[in-house]
Amino acid sequence: MKLFGVSVSRELVYQLLYGTLGAISLIGSGMTMGYSAVALPSLANGTSGVYVVDDSATWFASLPIIATPLGSVISLITMKAGRRVAIASSTSVCTISWITIACSYDVPQLLFGRILGGVAIGLVSTPSAVYVAEISSPNITTVLTALTALTMAMGVSIVYFLGYVTQRDWRMTAILSSIAPFFLTAAIIISLPESPRWLLSRKRHEDARKALLRLRGLKQETESFKEEFADMISNSLKNYEAETSTGIGQGPTFVPDPGASQTGIPTPSRIKDSGTSIVNIVWKKSRDILRIIKIPEVWKPFIILNMFFFFQQFCGIYVLIAYSVDLISNTGITQDPYVITVFIGLIQLVASITLVSSSTRIGRRSIAMISGVGMSVSLAVLGVYNQFFRNDAISGLPLACILFFIAAGSFGFASLPWAMIGELYPTRYVSILGPITTCFAGFYQFATVQLYPTFIQYDAIGTIYFYCAISVAATIFVVFTLPETMGKSKTEIEARFKGIS
């Protein structure tokens, strides 16, 4: 039997189950991002007792985005406690954010709830992608990391659908939206094993072995299990040696116990005292960051991923998610914008499913190129239509362009940067680089969502052409820069950035 192009086995089934549980935590992020599209129109008419207009409406849409970097910074701390703890903390905060919104009776309460939702996005973005990449074997990594995009699309689709069936009741939509993250928190705490790679980085050899057995659905070690675990141990030891040689660590400096050679994992027998002065600690960490950024396997993926996120945000895909009803009304579409919004959510979901199913067949680069070309063409046609043919009897064309744009964007650019955080960054540095990259992505997204009302008011057609130009530039960037990760282990990806064939 085949599934996504690979043979089904017990190990594969368990990887899919645990990978899905780790990735589905992002469903709350999708719901938070899509909520403004269905809530703002009803909040703007003031019939619910809370009146949100003008600047308050813009902040309602953009606050989760600007709060995302805060969550990313906090995730630097939560990831120190483990990937599972980091993911569970994010779903907990997400639940609280929805309850806060549902119980709000004035604008400040609403905005506070949206801030909490943004913090939850920042808390989960890196840990979820990293966890899925760390627990998966190379032949299925691309499928599992693509699941993060699928679950985000599911979240957007669900909140769009809830907004429609609740008759645009923003409070009831928030109440229903709190259910999923609440039960996810319980499921993660009870069922999700810790990442073996993270456990090895903490010198917990036996815990890592047990976690990998559980992740593969095994009761005893097999030959393939021993090979996989030995590779993890070897990679962990190399990471330790690299940190020791460069003076970079994730905490106190550990001196390995000579007796640890039997397991291949250094264990701390004593800790060097490097001083307790806060100034010394800050100075040391600053020097560590400067050392890290000079390493080829760090600065190369760091630049690639941050440019990828820049193009992702400024091509307009997330603007459409946040302002779908308003944007549809401003692009010559005459159909009911709420019904179209539901269709947009469904198309995102289908495109994300297509991404998952094709990840092991055509690879990241090809998917990104197809996505970029599709977005560029659809926006170019939409711009030309609005400039020259808006008054003609072809009202179905702008709708087709919007739907094709969302399909192309959701198939690649809306999803791949998030999935590739866990693939491109070295395990030993991802706890720092991942949240930093998520911070940058949050700032880019905040800028695009904040600027959209000004852009559309100043020149609606020019705004479409702007997003089109960014999409063209993004496609060129992918062609010449984005590395292929399909079928490659993290060790192989690091070797490529180091220049080792």
Protein backbone atom coordinates (compact mmCIF):
# COMPACT_ATOMS: atom_id res chain seq x y z
CA MET A 1 0.00 0.00 0.00
CA LYS A 2 1.23 3.49 -0.86
CA LEU A 3 0.60 6.78 0.94
CA PHE A 4 1.94 10.05 -0.50
CA GLY A 5 4.33 8.01 -2.63
CA VAL A 6 5.95 6.00 0.21
CA SER A 7 5.32 2.50 1.52
CA VAL A 8 3.10 2.29 4.55
CA SER A 9 4.59 0.62 7.62
CA ARG A 10 3.97 0.72 11.36
CA GLU A 11 6.78 3.25 11.80
CA LEU A 12 5.33 5.46 9.06
CA VAL A 13 1.81 5.37 10.50
CA TYR A 14 3.07 6.42 13.94
CA GLN A 15 5.16 9.22 12.43
CA LEU A 16 2.06 10.51 10.64
CA LEU A 17 -0.04 10.31 13.81
CA TYR A 18 2.43 12.12 16.06
CA GLY A 19 3.48 14.52 13.33
CA THR A 20 -0.15 15.46 12.76
CA LEU A 21 -0.69 16.00 16.48
CA GLY A 22 2.36 18.27 16.60
CA ALA A 23 1.33 20.19 13.49
CA ILE A 24 -2.37 20.54 14.30
CA SER A 25 -1.49 22.91 17.13
CA LEU A 26 -1.24 25.54 14.36
CA ILE A 27 -4.97 25.31 13.73
CA GLY A 28 -5.47 28.05 16.33
CA SER A 29 -3.03 30.31 14.47
CA GLY A 30 -5.06 29.98 11.29
CA MET A 31 -8.29 30.75 13.14
CA THR A 32 -6.73 33.84 14.74
CA MET A 33 -5.46 35.15 11.40
CA GLY A 34 -8.79 34.63 9.65
CA TYR A 35 -11.03 35.91 12.46
CA SER A 36 -10.76 39.61 11.58
CA ALA A 37 -12.21 38.96 8.12
CA VAL A 38 -15.51 37.64 9.52
CA ALA A 39 -15.68 39.70 12.73
CA LEU A 40 -14.84 43.22 11.55
CA PRO A 41 -17.94 43.79 9.35
CA SER A 42 -20.32 42.97 12.24
CA LEU A 43 -18.22 44.91 14.76
CA ALA A 44 -18.21 47.93 12.46
CA ASN A 45 -22.02 48.25 12.42
CA GLY A 46 -22.20 48.46 16.24
CA THR A 47 -25.26 46.22 16.58
CA SER A 48 -23.51 43.87 19.01
CA GLY A 49 -22.80 46.60 21.58
CA VAL A 50 -19.11 46.92 20.67
CA TYR A 51 -18.28 49.44 17.95
CA VAL A 52 -14.97 49.03 16.09
CA VAL A 53 -14.18 51.48 13.28
CA ASP A 54 -11.31 53.35 11.60
CA ASP A 55 -8.04 52.99 13.53
CA SER A 56 -9.54 50.49 15.98
CA ALA A 57 -10.55 48.25 13.07
CA THR A 58 -7.03 48.33 11.64
CA TRP A 59 -5.52 47.50 15.01
CA PHE A 60 -8.05 44.70 15.49
CA ALA A 61 -6.73 43.10 12.30
CA SER A 62 -3.03 43.78 12.88
CA LEU A 63 -2.50 43.41 16.66
CA PRO A 64 -2.15 39.60 16.53
CA ILE A 65 0.60 40.12 13.99
CA ILE A 66 2.58 42.66 15.98
CA ALA A 67 2.16 40.48 19.08
CA THR A 68 3.58 37.45 17.26
CA PRO A 69 7.22 38.56 17.79
CA LEU A 70 6.53 38.79 21.53
CA GLY A 71 5.37 35.18 21.48
CA SER A 72 8.45 34.25 19.46
CA VAL A 73 10.72 35.79 22.09
CA ILE A 74 8.87 33.93 24.85
CA SER A 75 9.25 30.71 22.86
CA LEU A 76 13.00 31.07 23.33
CA ILE A 77 12.24 30.23 26.96
CA THR A 78 9.51 27.63 26.45
CA MET A 79 11.61 25.69 23.93
CA LYS A 80 14.31 25.35 26.57
CA ALA A 81 11.80 23.26 28.52
CA GLY A 82 11.13 21.01 25.53
CA ARG A 83 9.23 21.05 22.26
CA ARG A 84 6.13 19.48 23.83
CA VAL A 85 5.97 22.08 26.62
CA ALA A 86 6.39 24.88 24.08
CA ILE A 87 3.54 23.59 21.90
CA ALA A 88 1.20 22.98 24.87
CA SER A 89 1.85 26.47 26.25
CA SER A 90 0.84 27.99 22.91
CA THR A 91 -2.49 26.16 22.70
CA SER A 92 -3.23 27.17 26.31
CA VAL A 93 -2.67 30.85 25.52
CA CYS A 94 -4.76 30.47 22.35
CA THR A 95 -7.68 29.13 24.39
CA ILE A 96 -7.44 32.05 26.81
CA SER A 97 -7.37 34.53 23.92
CA TRP A 98 -10.64 33.22 22.47
CA ILE A 99 -12.35 33.25 25.86
CA THR A 100 -11.17 36.84 26.40
CA ILE A 101 -12.61 37.92 23.05
CA ALA A 102 -15.90 36.12 23.66
CA CYS A 103 -16.28 37.85 27.05
CA SER A 104 -15.36 41.34 25.78
CA TYR A 105 -17.76 44.24 26.14
CA ASP A 106 -15.53 47.08 24.99
CA VAL A 107 -12.78 47.69 22.43
CA PRO A 108 -9.77 47.46 24.82
CA GLN A 109 -10.88 43.99 25.96
CA LEU A 110 -11.25 42.89 22.35
CA LEU A 111 -7.82 44.19 21.45
CA PHE A 112 -6.26 42.50 24.49
CA GLY A 113 -7.78 39.20 23.39
CA ARG A 114 -6.31 39.72 19.92
CA ILE A 115 -2.88 40.42 21.44
CA LEU A 116 -3.06 37.11 23.31
CA GLY A 117 -3.95 35.40 20.05
CA GLY A 118 -0.86 36.89 18.42
CA VAL A 119 1.33 35.77 21.32
CA ALA A 120 -0.05 32.25 20.85
CA ILE A 121 0.92 32.35 17.15
CA GLY A 122 4.48 33.34 18.07
CA LEU A 123 4.65 30.66 20.74
CA VAL A 124 3.70 27.85 18.36
CA SER A 125 5.17 28.83 14.97
CA THR A 126 8.73 27.67 15.61
CA PRO A 127 8.21 24.77 18.09
CA SER A 128 5.62 23.07 15.91
CA ALA A 129 7.69 23.20 12.71
CA VAL A 130 10.85 22.19 14.56
CA TYR A 131 9.16 19.30 16.39
CA VAL A 132 7.71 17.84 13.20
CA ALA A 133 11.08 18.10 11.40
CA GLU A 134 12.97 16.54 14.32
CA ILE A 135 10.76 13.47 14.79
CA SER A 136 10.48 12.51 11.12
CA SER A 137 12.76 10.38 8.97
CA PRO A 138 14.16 11.96 5.75
CA ASN A 139 11.81 10.11 3.37
CA ILE A 140 8.73 11.68 4.98
CA THR A 141 10.01 14.96 6.41
CA THR A 142 8.65 17.03 3.53
CA VAL A 143 5.18 15.53 3.99
CA LEU A 144 5.05 16.07 7.74
CA THR A 145 6.41 19.61 7.65
CA ALA A 146 3.83 20.43 4.98
CA LEU A 147 1.15 19.38 7.48
CA THR A 148 1.85 22.60 9.40
CA ALA A 149 0.57 24.54 6.41
CA LEU A 150 -2.44 22.26 6.09
CA THR A 151 -3.50 22.77 9.70
CA MET A 152 -3.14 26.56 9.42
CA ALA A 153 -5.35 26.47 6.32
CA MET A 154 -7.82 24.32 8.25
CA GLY A 155 -7.93 26.98 10.96
CA VAL A 156 -8.68 29.75 8.46
CA SER A 157 -11.35 27.63 6.76
CA ILE A 158 -13.00 26.75 10.08
CA VAL A 159 -13.23 30.34 11.31
CA TYR A 160 -14.58 31.51 7.92
CA PHE A 161 -17.22 28.78 8.08
CA LEU A 162 -18.10 29.58 11.69
CA GLY A 163 -18.52 33.24 10.77
CA TYR A 164 -20.95 32.24 8.05
CA VAL A 165 -23.07 29.72 10.02
CA THR A 166 -23.31 31.91 13.13
CA GLN A 167 -24.88 34.66 11.03
CA ARG A 168 -21.79 36.83 11.48
CA ASP A 169 -22.06 36.70 15.28
CA TRP A 170 -18.45 37.50 16.27
CA ARG A 171 -19.00 36.52 19.92
CA MET A 172 -20.40 33.07 19.14
CA THR A 173 -17.64 32.53 16.59
CA ALA A 174 -15.05 33.22 19.33
CA ILE A 175 -16.78 30.84 21.77
CA LEU A 176 -16.77 28.01 19.23
CA SER A 177 -13.17 28.79 18.26
CA SER A 178 -11.98 28.15 21.83
CA ILE A 179 -12.99 24.48 21.71
CA ALA A 180 -10.25 23.21 19.40
CA PRO A 181 -7.20 24.64 21.25
CA PHE A 182 -8.65 23.56 24.61
CA PHE A 183 -8.83 19.89 23.65
CA LEU A 184 -5.54 20.10 21.76
CA THR A 185 -3.78 21.22 24.94
CA ALA A 186 -5.02 18.14 26.77
CA ALA A 187 -4.10 15.82 23.88
CA ILE A 188 -0.57 17.25 23.62
CA ILE A 189 0.11 16.97 27.35
CA ILE A 190 -1.21 13.41 27.55
CA SER A 191 -0.13 11.86 24.25
CA LEU A 192 2.72 13.72 22.53
CA PRO A 193 6.23 12.29 23.08
CA GLU A 194 9.17 14.67 23.42
CA SER A 195 11.55 15.17 20.48
CA PRO A 196 14.43 12.64 20.72
CA ARG A 197 16.83 15.14 19.18
CA TRP A 198 15.99 17.70 21.85
CA LEU A 199 16.43 15.07 24.58
CA LEU A 200 19.84 14.14 23.17
CA SER A 201 20.83 17.80 23.15
CA ARG A 202 20.08 17.74 26.89
CA LYS A 203 22.21 14.59 27.34
CA ARG A 204 19.13 12.48 28.19
CA HIS A 205 20.20 9.42 26.23
CA GLU A 206 17.79 6.85 27.66
CA ASP A 207 14.78 9.20 27.50
CA ALA A 208 15.61 9.89 23.86
CA ARG A 209 15.74 6.17 23.07
CA LYS A 210 12.35 5.56 24.71
CA ALA A 211 10.82 8.57 22.95
CA LEU A 212 12.03 7.36 19.54
CA LEU A 213 10.67 3.87 20.22
CA ARG A 214 7.30 5.41 21.01
CA LEU A 215 7.40 7.69 17.97
CA ARG A 216 8.06 4.69 15.73
CA GLY A 217 5.41 2.52 17.38
CA LEU A 218 7.97 -0.08 18.48
CA LYS A 219 8.17 -2.12 21.67
CA GLN A 220 11.74 -3.27 21.06
CA GLU A 221 14.66 -2.10 18.97
CA THR A 222 14.98 -3.16 15.34
CA GLU A 223 18.02 -2.87 13.06
CA SER A 224 16.57 0.19 11.31
CA PHE A 225 15.80 1.75 14.70
CA LYS A 226 19.38 1.18 15.89
CA GLU A 227 20.76 2.79 12.73
CA GLU A 228 18.46 5.80 13.05
CA PHE A 229 19.23 6.29 16.73
CA ALA A 230 22.97 5.89 16.15
CA ASP A 231 22.77 8.61 13.47
CA MET A 232 20.95 10.88 15.93
CA ILE A 233 23.63 10.24 18.57
CA SER A 234 26.41 10.95 16.07
CA ASN A 235 24.76 14.18 14.95
CA SER A 236 24.20 15.24 18.58
CA LEU A 237 27.86 14.60 19.40
CA LYS A 238 29.00 16.64 16.39
CA ASN A 239 26.74 19.48 17.50
CA TYR A 240 28.23 19.30 20.99
CA GLU A 241 31.78 19.38 19.63
CA ALA A 242 30.92 22.32 17.36
CA GLU A 243 29.49 24.28 20.28
CA THR A 244 32.55 23.48 22.39
CA SER A 245 35.01 24.49 19.67
CA THR A 246 33.29 27.81 18.99
CA GLY A 247 32.49 28.58 22.63
CA ILE A 248 28.78 28.70 21.84
CA GLY A 249 26.32 26.97 24.11
CA GLN A 250 22.74 27.14 25.17
CA GLY A 251 23.46 27.60 28.81
CA PRO A 252 26.29 26.85 31.23
CA THR A 253 29.41 25.27 29.78
CA PHE A 254 29.34 21.51 30.35
CA VAL A 255 32.49 19.42 30.69
CA PRO A 256 31.87 15.91 29.34
CA ASP A 257 32.36 12.92 31.58
CA PRO A 258 35.05 10.57 30.17
CA GLY A 259 32.85 7.64 31.11
CA ALA A 260 30.18 8.80 28.68
CA SER A 261 32.03 7.47 25.65
CA GLN A 262 30.11 4.18 25.80
CA THR A 263 26.90 5.92 24.87
CA GLY A 264 28.43 8.50 22.57
CA ILE A 265 26.77 11.33 24.48
CA PRO A 266 28.76 13.61 26.79
CA THR A 267 27.26 13.97 30.24
CA PRO A 268 27.97 16.88 32.57
CA SER A 269 30.14 16.02 35.54
CA ARG A 270 30.84 19.58 36.47
CA ILE A 271 29.96 23.07 35.33
CA LYS A 272 32.49 25.78 34.74
CA ASP A 273 31.81 28.90 36.63
CA SER A 274 31.83 31.69 34.05
CA GLY A 275 30.81 34.44 36.46
CA THR A 276 27.46 35.67 37.63
CA SER A 277 27.64 39.28 36.56
CA ILE A 278 24.64 40.23 34.42
CA VAL A 279 26.88 42.46 32.32
CA ASN A 280 29.26 39.57 31.69
CA ILE A 281 26.39 37.27 30.75
CA VAL A 282 24.93 39.80 28.29
CA TRP A 283 28.37 40.46 26.81
CA LYS A 284 29.03 36.73 26.43
CA LYS A 285 25.67 36.11 24.76
CA SER A 286 26.30 39.01 22.36
CA ARG A 287 29.64 37.53 21.38
CA ASP A 288 27.99 34.11 21.00
CA ILE A 289 25.43 35.53 18.58
CA LEU A 290 28.19 37.19 16.55
CA ARG A 291 30.03 33.86 16.38
CA ILE A 292 26.87 32.01 15.40
CA ILE A 293 25.97 34.36 12.56
CA LYS A 294 29.39 33.84 10.95
CA ILE A 295 28.87 30.09 10.60
CA PRO A 296 27.95 29.14 6.97
CA GLU A 297 25.19 26.72 7.99
CA VAL A 298 23.64 29.57 10.00
CA TRP A 299 23.92 32.76 7.95
CA LYS A 300 23.04 31.14 4.63
CA PRO A 301 19.67 29.64 5.69
CA PHE A 302 19.03 32.72 7.86
CA ILE A 303 19.19 35.03 4.84
CA ILE A 304 17.26 32.63 2.61
CA LEU A 305 14.42 32.10 5.09
CA ASN A 306 14.08 35.76 6.04
CA MET A 307 13.94 36.79 2.37
CA PHE A 308 11.42 34.02 1.76
CA PHE A 309 9.24 35.37 4.57
CA PHE A 310 9.61 38.93 3.25
CA PHE A 311 8.27 37.92 -0.16
CA GLN A 312 5.58 35.75 1.45
CA GLN A 313 4.17 38.69 3.39
CA PHE A 314 4.46 41.43 0.76
CA CYS A 315 2.89 39.41 -2.06
CA GLY A 316 -0.51 40.04 -0.42
CA ILE A 317 -1.56 36.52 0.53
CA TYR A 318 -1.96 37.32 4.24
CA VAL A 319 -3.63 40.64 3.48
CA LEU A 320 -6.32 38.67 1.67
CA ILE A 321 -6.75 36.38 4.68
CA ALA A 322 -7.09 39.31 7.11
CA TYR A 323 -9.24 41.58 4.91
CA SER A 324 -10.96 39.10 2.60
CA VAL A 325 -14.42 40.69 2.77
CA ASP A 326 -13.07 44.21 2.24
CA LEU A 327 -10.61 43.23 -0.49
CA ILE A 328 -13.26 41.29 -2.40
CA SER A 329 -15.52 44.36 -2.34
CA ASN A 330 -12.69 46.53 -3.73
CA THR A 331 -11.72 44.34 -6.68
CA GLY A 332 -14.90 44.49 -8.76
CA ILE A 333 -16.51 41.30 -7.41
CA THR A 334 -20.29 41.59 -7.15
CA GLN A 335 -21.06 38.31 -5.38
CA ASP A 336 -21.74 38.07 -1.62
CA PRO A 337 -18.28 38.56 -0.03
CA TYR A 338 -19.12 36.32 2.95
CA VAL A 339 -19.97 33.39 0.70
CA ILE A 340 -16.80 34.02 -1.31
CA THR A 341 -14.81 34.07 1.93
CA VAL A 342 -16.03 30.57 2.76
CA PHE A 343 -14.95 29.43 -0.71
CA ILE A 344 -11.54 31.05 -0.14
CA GLY A 345 -11.13 29.04 3.04
CA LEU A 346 -12.04 25.81 1.25
CA ILE A 347 -9.62 26.56 -1.59
CA GLN A 348 -6.83 27.17 0.94
CA LEU A 349 -7.59 23.81 2.50
CA VAL A 350 -7.59 21.98 -0.85
CA ALA A 351 -4.36 23.71 -1.92
CA SER A 352 -2.68 22.73 1.35
CA ILE A 353 -3.80 19.11 0.94
CA THR A 354 -2.34 19.19 -2.57
CA LEU A 355 0.91 20.53 -1.11
CA VAL A 356 1.10 17.65 1.37
CA SER A 357 0.39 15.01 -1.27
CA SER A 358 2.93 16.41 -3.75
CA SER A 359 5.76 17.19 -1.32
CA THR A 360 7.53 13.86 -1.85
CA ARG A 361 7.13 14.00 -5.63
CA ILE A 362 8.16 17.41 -6.92
CA GLY A 363 10.05 18.99 -4.01
CA ARG A 364 10.07 22.41 -2.34
CA ARG A 365 11.69 24.40 -5.17
CA SER A 366 9.24 23.26 -7.84
CA ILE A 367 6.26 23.88 -5.57
CA ALA A 368 7.51 27.40 -4.75
CA MET A 369 8.09 28.20 -8.45
CA ILE A 370 4.61 27.00 -9.44
CA SER A 371 3.13 29.04 -6.59
CA GLY A 372 5.03 32.20 -7.55
CA VAL A 373 4.10 32.01 -11.22
CA GLY A 374 0.45 31.38 -10.36
CA MET A 375 0.27 34.37 -8.02
CA SER A 376 2.02 36.66 -10.52
CA VAL A 377 -0.27 35.75 -13.41
CA SER A 378 -3.50 35.99 -11.40
CA LEU A 379 -2.60 39.41 -9.96
CA ALA A 380 -1.48 40.72 -13.35
CA VAL A 381 -4.81 39.72 -14.93
CA LEU A 382 -6.75 41.18 -11.98
CA GLY A 383 -4.88 44.48 -12.27
CA VAL A 384 -5.45 44.74 -16.02
CA TYR A 385 -9.13 43.93 -15.59
CA ASN A 386 -9.66 46.61 -12.93
CA GLN A 387 -7.74 49.19 -14.97
CA PHE A 388 -9.30 48.64 -18.40
CA PHE A 389 -12.33 46.32 -18.28
CA ARG A 390 -14.07 46.83 -14.91
CA ASN A 391 -17.26 48.20 -16.49
CA ASP A 392 -17.53 45.40 -19.06
CA ALA A 393 -19.81 42.39 -18.67
CA ILE A 394 -17.16 39.95 -17.44
CA SER A 395 -17.81 40.17 -13.70
CA GLY A 396 -16.73 36.56 -13.16
CA LEU A 397 -13.10 37.27 -14.10
CA PRO A 398 -12.01 39.11 -10.91
CA LEU A 399 -13.51 36.34 -8.77
CA ALA A 400 -11.62 33.75 -10.78
CA CYS A 401 -8.39 35.74 -10.34
CA ILE A 402 -8.85 36.01 -6.56
CA LEU A 403 -9.60 32.30 -6.19
CA PHE A 404 -6.67 31.33 -8.41
CA PHE A 405 -4.37 33.66 -6.46
CA ILE A 406 -5.38 32.15 -3.11
CA ALA A 407 -4.99 28.62 -4.52
CA ALA A 408 -1.51 29.33 -5.92
CA GLY A 409 -0.40 31.17 -2.77
CA SER A 410 -1.72 28.52 -0.37
CA PHE A 411 -0.05 25.78 -2.43
CA GLY A 412 3.38 27.29 -1.84
CA PHE A 413 4.29 30.72 -0.54
CA ALA A 414 1.80 30.85 2.33
CA SER A 415 3.07 27.54 3.66
CA LEU A 416 6.64 26.68 2.72
CA PRO A 417 8.60 29.28 4.75
CA TRP A 418 7.02 28.06 7.99
CA ALA A 419 7.65 24.41 7.12
CA MET A 420 11.28 25.04 6.15
CA ILE A 421 12.28 26.61 9.49
CA GLY A 422 12.70 23.15 10.96
CA GLU A 423 14.38 21.82 7.81
CA LEU A 424 17.05 24.44 7.10
CA TYR A 425 18.22 25.54 10.55
CA PRO A 426 20.71 23.33 12.44
CA THR A 427 19.14 21.61 15.46
CA ARG A 428 21.64 23.15 17.87
CA TYR A 429 20.75 26.72 16.82
CA VAL A 430 17.08 26.45 15.83
CA SER A 431 15.88 27.43 19.31
CA ILE A 432 17.45 30.86 18.69
CA LEU A 433 17.18 31.27 14.92
CA GLY A 434 13.59 30.04 14.62
CA PRO A 435 12.04 32.61 16.99
CA ILE A 436 14.18 35.40 15.48
CA THR A 437 12.94 34.52 12.01
CA THR A 438 9.36 34.36 13.27
CA CYS A 439 9.84 37.83 14.75
CA PHE A 440 10.92 39.20 11.39
CA ALA A 441 7.96 37.48 9.71
CA GLY A 442 5.64 39.10 12.26
CA PHE A 443 7.04 42.56 11.55
CA TYR A 444 6.67 42.02 7.79
CA GLN A 445 3.09 40.87 8.20
CA PHE A 446 2.25 43.74 10.55
CA ALA A 447 3.58 46.21 7.98
CA THR A 448 1.52 44.73 5.15
CA VAL A 449 -1.73 44.51 7.15
CA GLN A 450 -1.29 48.03 8.57
CA LEU A 451 -0.42 49.55 5.20
CA TYR A 452 -3.21 47.85 3.22
CA PRO A 453 -6.01 50.33 4.17
CA THR A 454 -3.75 53.25 3.19
CA PHE A 455 -2.67 51.57 -0.06
CA ILE A 456 -6.21 50.69 -1.10
CA GLN A 457 -7.47 54.19 -0.31
CA TYR A 458 -4.65 55.88 -2.22
CA ASP A 459 -4.64 53.63 -5.31
CA ALA A 460 -6.55 50.33 -5.36
CA ILE A 461 -5.30 49.27 -8.79
CA GLY A 462 -1.73 50.27 -7.95
CA THR A 463 -1.95 48.08 -4.85
CA ILE A 464 -2.77 45.06 -7.00
CA TYR A 465 0.18 45.81 -9.30
CA PHE A 466 2.45 46.21 -6.26
CA TYR A 467 1.55 42.75 -4.98
CA CYS A 468 2.05 41.42 -8.52
CA ALA A 469 5.56 42.92 -8.76
CA ILE A 470 6.51 41.38 -5.40
CA SER A 471 5.21 38.01 -6.59
CA VAL A 472 7.37 38.21 -9.73
CA ALA A 473 10.44 39.13 -7.64
CA ALA A 474 9.62 36.27 -5.25
CA THR A 475 9.53 33.78 -8.11
CA ILE A 476 12.95 34.94 -9.34
CA PHE A 477 14.28 34.61 -5.79
CA VAL A 478 13.05 31.02 -5.55
CA VAL A 479 14.56 30.02 -8.88
CA PHE A 480 18.06 31.21 -7.99
CA THR A 481 18.24 30.81 -4.20
CA LEU A 482 15.89 28.31 -2.54
CA PRO A 483 17.59 24.94 -1.81
CA GLU A 484 15.84 21.61 -2.31
CA THR A 485 15.26 19.59 0.87
CA MET A 486 13.23 16.67 -0.47
CA GLY A 487 14.74 13.34 0.60
CA LYS A 488 17.63 14.98 2.47
CA SER A 489 18.42 14.56 6.14
CA LYS A 490 19.25 17.53 8.37
CA THR A 491 22.89 16.40 8.32
CA GLU A 492 22.96 16.52 4.51
CA ILE A 493 21.31 19.95 4.43
CA GLU A 494 23.85 21.33 6.90
CA ALA A 495 26.70 19.84 4.85
CA ARG A 496 25.46 21.64 1.76
CA PHE A 497 25.46 25.01 3.53
CA LYS A 498 28.96 24.26 4.81
CA GLY A 499 30.07 23.63 1.24
CA ILE A 500 30.70 19.93 1.84
CA SER A 501 29.54 17.69 -1.00
